Amino acid sequence: QVRGLCGTFTWRQEDDFTTPGGDVAPDVTAFASTYRVGGDCPPPLPLQPCGDGHTDTAACAVLHGAAFQ
C-alpha cells in the first residue's frame, strides 16, 4: 500500500517507479517528473548511477555509506 519517491516496498524492483497515476515510468527522470508539484520547479536533470564510471564520488560515497546500508 506504499507508493511514492521511496518505492513500493514490495521487493520487486520493476514496480518501484510507480507514478501517482498507477503507471510504471520507464526511467528515473520520467518517474521524478511525475511528482513535480508546479511549473516553477525545473525538470530534474538526468541522473547518472554510481559505479558506471562516473566521477561524482562524493555523492556516491554518501549513497554507499553506512547510513544507507
PDB file of N, CA and C in Angstrom:
ATOM      1  N   GLN A   1       0.816  -1.200   0.000  1.00  0.00           N
ATOM      2  CA  GLN A   1       0.000   0.000   0.000  1.00  0.00           C
ATOM      3  C   GLN A   1       0.855   1.258   0.000  1.00  0.00           C
ATOM      4  N   VAL A   2       2.180   1.103  -0.031  1.00  0.00           N
ATOM      5  CA  VAL A   2       3.076   2.249  -0.050  1.00  0.00           C
ATOM      6  C   VAL A   2       3.463   2.536  -1.494  1.00  0.00           C
ATOM      7  N   ARG A   3       3.504   3.821  -1.844  1.00  0.00           N
ATOM      8  CA  ARG A   3       3.887   4.208  -3.191  1.00  0.00           C
ATOM      9  C   ARG A   3       4.437   5.619  -3.129  1.00  0.00           C
ATOM     10  N   GLY A   4       5.451   5.920  -3.932  1.00  0.00           N
ATOM     11  CA  GLY A   4       5.999   7.263  -3.960  1.00  0.00           C
ATOM     12  C   GLY A   4       7.457   7.264  -4.319  1.00  0.00           C
ATOM     13  N   LEU A   5       8.126   8.356  -4.003  1.00  0.00           N
ATOM     14  CA  LEU A   5       9.528   8.523  -4.373  1.00  0.00           C
ATOM     15  C   LEU A   5      10.444   7.506  -3.715  1.00  0.00           C
ATOM     16  N   CYS A   6      10.012   6.886  -2.642  1.00  0.00           N
ATOM     17  CA  CYS A   6      10.845   5.882  -1.966  1.00  0.00           C
ATOM     18  C   CYS A   6      10.533   4.458  -2.427  1.00  0.00           C
ATOM     19  N   GLY A   7       9.685   4.283  -3.410  1.00  0.00           N
ATOM     20  CA  GLY A   7       9.388   2.953  -3.929  1.00  0.00           C
ATOM     21  C   GLY A   7       8.098   2.387  -3.381  1.00  0.00           C
ATOM     22  N   THR A   8       7.903   1.100  -3.606  1.00  0.00           N
ATOM     23  CA  THR A   8       6.650   0.438  -3.234  1.00  0.00           C
ATOM     24  C   THR A   8       6.790  -0.545  -2.078  1.00  0.00           C
ATOM     25  N   PHE A   9       8.017  -0.889  -1.721  1.00  0.00           N
ATOM     26  CA  PHE A   9       8.292  -1.837  -0.643  1.00  0.00           C
ATOM     27  C   PHE A   9       7.667  -3.204  -0.888  1.00  0.00           C
ATOM     28  N   THR A  10       7.633  -3.621  -2.148  1.00  0.00           N
ATOM     29  CA  THR A  10       7.141  -4.954  -2.484  1.00  0.00           C
ATOM     30  C   THR A  10       8.308  -5.893  -2.768  1.00  0.00           C
ATOM     31  N   TRP A  11       9.525  -5.367  -2.703  1.00  0.00           N
ATOM     32  CA  TRP A  11      10.744  -6.111  -3.010  1.00  0.00           C
ATOM     33  C   TRP A  11      10.821  -6.511  -4.482  1.00  0.00           C
ATOM     34  N   ARG A  12       9.988  -5.893  -5.322  1.00  0.00           N
ATOM     35  CA  ARG A  12      10.045  -6.109  -6.772  1.00  0.00           C
ATOM     36  C   ARG A  12      10.521  -4.809  -7.404  1.00  0.00           C
ATOM     37  N   GLN A  13      11.729  -4.787  -7.902  1.00  0.00           N
ATOM     38  CA  GLN A  13      12.318  -3.562  -8.441  1.00  0.00           C
ATOM     39  C   GLN A  13      11.525  -3.007  -9.624  1.00  0.00           C
ATOM     40  N   GLU A  14      10.856  -3.878 -10.378  1.00  0.00           N
ATOM     41  CA  GLU A  14      10.155  -3.422 -11.572  1.00  0.00           C
ATOM     42  C   GLU A  14       8.977  -2.498 -11.284  1.00  0.00           C
ATOM     43  N   ASP A  15       8.461  -2.463 -10.057  1.00  0.00           N
ATOM     44  CA  ASP A  15       7.351  -1.551  -9.769  1.00  0.00           C
ATOM     45  C   ASP A  15       7.748  -0.382  -8.864  1.00  0.00           C
ATOM     46  N   ASP A  16       9.033  -0.191  -8.631  1.00  0.00           N
ATOM     47  CA  ASP A  16       9.473   0.917  -7.786  1.00  0.00           C
ATOM     48  C   ASP A  16       9.251   2.282  -8.427  1.00  0.00           C
ATOM     49  N   PHE A  17       9.122   2.359  -9.750  1.00  0.00           N
ATOM     50  CA  PHE A  17       8.884   3.634 -10.425  1.00  0.00           C
ATOM     51  C   PHE A  17       7.400   3.837 -10.715  1.00  0.00           C
ATOM     52  N   THR A  18       6.526   3.384  -9.815  1.00  0.00           N
ATOM     53  CA  THR A  18       5.090   3.565  -9.989  1.00  0.00           C
ATOM     54  C   THR A  18       4.731   5.032  -9.774  1.00  0.00           C
ATOM     55  N   THR A  19       4.049   5.611 -10.748  1.00  0.00           N
ATOM     56  CA  THR A  19       3.691   7.033 -10.711  1.00  0.00           C
ATOM     57  C   THR A  19       2.430   7.247  -9.876  1.00  0.00           C
ATOM     58  N   PRO A  20       2.102   8.495  -9.552  1.00  0.00           N
ATOM     59  CA  PRO A  20       0.862   8.757  -8.812  1.00  0.00           C
ATOM     60  C   PRO A  20      -0.382   8.237  -9.542  1.00  0.00           C
ATOM     61  N   GLY A  21      -0.316   8.132 -10.871  1.00  0.00           N
ATOM     62  CA  GLY A  21      -1.445   7.626 -11.637  1.00  0.00           C
ATOM     63  C   GLY A  21      -1.515   6.114 -11.721  1.00  0.00           C
ATOM     64  N   GLY A  22      -0.522   5.415 -11.146  1.00  0.00           N
ATOM     65  CA  GLY A  22      -0.519   3.962 -11.132  1.00  0.00           C
ATOM     66  C   GLY A  22       0.253   3.311 -12.262  1.00  0.00           C
ATOM     67  N   ASP A  23       0.803   4.116 -13.181  1.00  0.00           N
ATOM     68  CA  ASP A  23       1.626   3.576 -14.260  1.00  0.00           C
ATOM     69  C   ASP A  23       3.053   3.378 -13.758  1.00  0.00           C
ATOM     70  N   VAL A  24       3.844   2.619 -14.494  1.00  0.00           N
ATOM     71  CA  VAL A  24       5.260   2.451 -14.162  1.00  0.00           C
ATOM     72  C   VAL A  24       6.072   3.258 -15.166  1.00  0.00           C
ATOM     73  N   ALA A  25       6.843   4.223 -14.675  1.00  0.00           N
ATOM     74  CA  ALA A  25       7.664   5.087 -15.538  1.00  0.00           C
ATOM     75  C   ALA A  25       8.845   4.300 -16.093  1.00  0.00           C
ATOM     76  N   PRO A  26       9.293   4.640 -17.305  1.00  0.00           N
ATOM     77  CA  PRO A  26      10.373   3.888 -17.941  1.00  0.00           C
ATOM     78  C   PRO A  26      11.760   4.158 -17.374  1.00  0.00           C
ATOM     79  N   ASP A  27      11.940   5.309 -16.701  1.00  0.00           N
ATOM     80  CA  ASP A  27      13.259   5.630 -16.145  1.00  0.00           C
ATOM     81  C   ASP A  27      13.099   6.610 -14.984  1.00  0.00           C
ATOM     82  N   VAL A  28      14.205   6.866 -14.288  1.00  0.00           N
ATOM     83  CA  VAL A  28      14.157   7.680 -13.071  1.00  0.00           C
ATOM     84  C   VAL A  28      13.763   9.124 -13.360  1.00  0.00           C
ATOM     85  N   THR A  29      14.194   9.695 -14.486  1.00  0.00           N
ATOM     86  CA  THR A  29      13.852  11.080 -14.800  1.00  0.00           C
ATOM     87  C   THR A  29      12.358  11.222 -15.059  1.00  0.00           C
ATOM     88  N   ALA A  30      11.784  10.320 -15.830  1.00  0.00           N
ATOM     89  CA  ALA A  30      10.340  10.352 -16.091  1.00  0.00           C
ATOM     90  C   ALA A  30       9.566  10.146 -14.794  1.00  0.00           C
ATOM     91  N   PHE A  31      10.051   9.254 -13.944  1.00  0.00           N
ATOM     92  CA  PHE A  31       9.403   8.982 -12.658  1.00  0.00           C
ATOM     93  C   PHE A  31       9.401  10.218 -11.770  1.00  0.00           C
ATOM     94  N   ALA A  32      10.563  10.850 -11.617  1.00  0.00           N
ATOM     95  CA  ALA A  32      10.665  12.037 -10.766  1.00  0.00           C
ATOM     96  C   ALA A  32       9.793  13.170 -11.294  1.00  0.00           C
ATOM     97  N   SER A  33       9.688  13.297 -12.610  1.00  0.00           N
ATOM     98  CA  SER A  33       8.880  14.360 -13.205  1.00  0.00           C
ATOM     99  C   SER A  33       7.401  14.218 -12.860  1.00  0.00           C
ATOM    100  N   THR A  34       6.922  13.011 -12.627  1.00  0.00           N
ATOM    101  CA  THR A  34       5.503  12.825 -12.311  1.00  0.00           C
ATOM    102  C   THR A  34       5.151  13.355 -10.927  1.00  0.00           C
ATOM    103  N   TYR A  35       6.146  13.592 -10.082  1.00  0.00           N
ATOM    104  CA  TYR A  35       5.907  14.102  -8.738  1.00  0.00           C
ATOM    105  C   TYR A  35       6.155  15.604  -8.623  1.00  0.00           C
ATOM    106  N   ARG A  36       6.411  16.289  -9.736  1.00  0.00           N
ATOM    107  CA  ARG A  36       6.576  17.741  -9.713  1.00  0.00           C
ATOM    108  C   ARG A  36       5.248  18.375  -9.350  1.00  0.00           C
ATOM    109  N   VAL A  37       5.293  19.376  -8.474  1.00  0.00           N
ATOM    110  CA  VAL A  37       4.076  19.996  -7.984  1.00  0.00           C
ATOM    111  C   VAL A  37       3.643  21.169  -8.851  1.00  0.00           C
ATOM    112  N   GLY A  38       4.594  21.961  -9.291  1.00  0.00           N
ATOM    113  CA  GLY A  38       4.215  23.149 -10.049  1.00  0.00           C
ATOM    114  C   GLY A  38       5.170  23.443 -11.178  1.00  0.00           C
ATOM    115  N   GLY A  39       4.768  24.362 -12.031  1.00  0.00           N
ATOM    116  CA  GLY A  39       5.591  24.745 -13.166  1.00  0.00           C
ATOM    117  C   GLY A  39       6.837  25.530 -12.780  1.00  0.00           C
ATOM    118  N   ASP A  40       6.888  26.042 -11.545  1.00  0.00           N
ATOM    119  CA  ASP A  40       8.057  26.807 -11.109  1.00  0.00           C
ATOM    120  C   ASP A  40       9.263  25.923 -10.844  1.00  0.00           C
ATOM    121  N   CYS A  41       9.029  24.660 -10.644  1.00  0.00           N
ATOM    122  CA  CYS A  41      10.105  23.721 -10.346  1.00  0.00           C
ATOM    123  C   CYS A  41      10.681  23.205 -11.660  1.00  0.00           C
ATOM    124  N   PRO A  42      11.993  23.362 -11.880  1.00  0.00           N
ATOM    125  CA  PRO A  42      12.560  22.873 -13.144  1.00  0.00           C
ATOM    126  C   PRO A  42      12.540  21.352 -13.199  1.00  0.00           C
ATOM    127  N   PRO A  43      12.510  20.794 -14.409  1.00  0.00           N
ATOM    128  CA  PRO A  43      12.542  19.331 -14.522  1.00  0.00           C
ATOM    129  C   PRO A  43      13.864  18.793 -13.985  1.00  0.00           C
ATOM    130  N   PRO A  44      13.869  17.577 -13.470  1.00  0.00           N
ATOM    131  CA  PRO A  44      15.109  17.017 -12.923  1.00  0.00           C
ATOM    132  C   PRO A  44      16.133  16.770 -14.020  1.00  0.00           C
ATOM    133  N   LEU A  45      17.389  16.897 -13.649  1.00  0.00           N
ATOM    134  CA  LEU A  45      18.470  16.582 -14.581  1.00  0.00           C
ATOM    135  C   LEU A  45      18.573  15.077 -14.739  1.00  0.00           C
ATOM    136  N   PRO A  46      19.041  14.603 -15.861  1.00  0.00           N
ATOM    137  CA  PRO A  46      19.251  13.147 -15.979  1.00  0.00           C
ATOM    138  C   PRO A  46      20.261  12.689 -14.928  1.00  0.00           C
ATOM    139  N   LEU A  47      19.914  11.667 -14.194  1.00  0.00           N
ATOM    140  CA  LEU A  47      20.774  11.170 -13.132  1.00  0.00           C
ATOM    141  C   LEU A  47      21.715  10.102 -13.669  1.00  0.00           C
ATOM    142  N   GLN A  48      22.932  10.098 -13.164  1.00  0.00           N
ATOM    143  CA  GLN A  48      23.916   9.103 -13.552  1.00  0.00           C
ATOM    144  C   GLN A  48      24.123   8.158 -12.370  1.00  0.00           C
ATOM    145  N   PRO A  49      23.970   6.874 -12.566  1.00  0.00           N
ATOM    146  CA  PRO A  49      24.130   5.933 -11.455  1.00  0.00           C
ATOM    147  C   PRO A  49      25.578   5.841 -10.978  1.00  0.00           C
ATOM    148  N   CYS A  50      25.759   5.582  -9.713  1.00  0.00           N
ATOM    149  CA  CYS A  50      27.096   5.379  -9.161  1.00  0.00           C
ATOM    150  C   CYS A  50      27.641   4.045  -9.672  1.00  0.00           C
ATOM    151  N   GLY A  51      28.935   4.002  -9.895  1.00  0.00           N
ATOM    152  CA  GLY A  51      29.570   2.753 -10.276  1.00  0.00           C
ATOM    153  C   GLY A  51      29.632   2.512 -11.764  1.00  0.00           C
ATOM    154  N   ASP A  52      29.117   3.431 -12.570  1.00  0.00           N
ATOM    155  CA  ASP A  52      29.175   3.262 -14.014  1.00  0.00           C
ATOM    156  C   ASP A  52      30.271   4.124 -14.638  1.00  0.00           C
ATOM    157  N   GLY A  53      31.349   4.341 -13.907  1.00  0.00           N
ATOM    158  CA  GLY A  53      32.450   5.137 -14.426  1.00  0.00           C
ATOM    159  C   GLY A  53      32.270   6.631 -14.255  1.00  0.00           C
ATOM    160  N   HIS A  54      31.269   7.043 -13.484  1.00  0.00           N
ATOM    161  CA  HIS A  54      31.043   8.465 -13.262  1.00  0.00           C
ATOM    162  C   HIS A  54      31.932   8.944 -12.122  1.00  0.00           C
ATOM    163  N   THR A  55      32.293  10.210 -12.161  1.00  0.00           N
ATOM    164  CA  THR A  55      33.309  10.720 -11.245  1.00  0.00           C
ATOM    165  C   THR A  55      32.745  11.449 -10.036  1.00  0.00           C
ATOM    166  N   ASP A  56      31.452  11.499  -9.852  1.00  0.00           N
ATOM    167  CA  ASP A  56      30.873  12.198  -8.707  1.00  0.00           C
ATOM    168  C   ASP A  56      30.985  11.320  -7.460  1.00  0.00           C
ATOM    169  N   THR A  57      32.215  11.108  -7.017  1.00  0.00           N
ATOM    170  CA  THR A  57      32.455  10.155  -5.939  1.00  0.00           C
ATOM    171  C   THR A  57      31.941  10.627  -4.588  1.00  0.00           C
ATOM    172  N   ALA A  58      31.824  11.938  -4.361  1.00  0.00           N
ATOM    173  CA  ALA A  58      31.331  12.428  -3.075  1.00  0.00           C
ATOM    174  C   ALA A  58      29.874  12.004  -2.866  1.00  0.00           C
ATOM    175  N   ALA A  59      29.039  12.195  -3.886  1.00  0.00           N
ATOM    176  CA  ALA A  59      27.633  11.796  -3.769  1.00  0.00           C
ATOM    177  C   ALA A  59      27.508  10.283  -3.681  1.00  0.00           C
ATOM    178  N   CYS A  60      28.293   9.573  -4.465  1.00  0.00           N
ATOM    179  CA  CYS A  60      28.231   8.112  -4.436  1.00  0.00           C
ATOM    180  C   CYS A  60      28.731   7.562  -3.108  1.00  0.00           C
ATOM    181  N   ALA A  61      29.715   8.227  -2.510  1.00  0.00           N
ATOM    182  CA  ALA A  61      30.229   7.787  -1.213  1.00  0.00           C
ATOM    183  C   ALA A  61      29.139   7.864  -0.155  1.00  0.00           C
ATOM    184  N   VAL A  62      28.313   8.893  -0.217  1.00  0.00           N
ATOM    185  CA  VAL A  62      27.212   9.017   0.741  1.00  0.00           C
ATOM    186  C   VAL A  62      26.202   7.893   0.523  1.00  0.00           C
ATOM    187  N   LEU A  63      25.853   7.635  -0.728  1.00  0.00           N
ATOM    188  CA  LEU A  63      24.874   6.596  -1.026  1.00  0.00           C
ATOM    189  C   LEU A  63      25.366   5.205  -0.670  1.00  0.00           C
ATOM    190  N   HIS A  64      26.665   4.988  -0.779  1.00  0.00           N
ATOM    191  CA  HIS A  64      27.230   3.685  -0.450  1.00  0.00           C
ATOM    192  C   HIS A  64      27.721   3.618   1.001  1.00  0.00           C
ATOM    193  N   GLY A  65      27.504   4.690   1.763  1.00  0.00           N
ATOM    194  CA  GLY A  65      27.969   4.765   3.151  1.00  0.00           C
ATOM    195  C   GLY A  65      27.084   4.012   4.122  1.00  0.00           C
ATOM    196  N   ALA A  66      27.451   4.085   5.379  1.00  0.00           N
ATOM    197  CA  ALA A  66      26.770   3.353   6.446  1.00  0.00           C
ATOM    198  C   ALA A  66      25.307   3.734   6.617  1.00  0.00           C
ATOM    199  N   ALA A  67      24.962   4.991   6.325  1.00  0.00           N
ATOM    200  CA  ALA A  67      23.586   5.440   6.529  1.00  0.00           C
ATOM    201  C   ALA A  67      22.586   4.688   5.652  1.00  0.00           C
ATOM    202  N   PHE A  68      23.038   4.187   4.489  1.00  0.00           N
ATOM    203  CA  PHE A  68      22.141   3.518   3.566  1.00  0.00           C
ATOM    204  C   PHE A  68      22.361   2.026   3.491  1.00  0.00           C
ATOM    205  N   GLN A  69      23.099   1.463   4.423  1.00  0.00           N
ATOM    206  CA  GLN A  69      23.342   0.016   4.408  1.00  0.00           C
ATOM    207  C   GLN A  69      22.316  -0.715   5.231  1.00  0.00           C
TER     208      GLN A  69
END
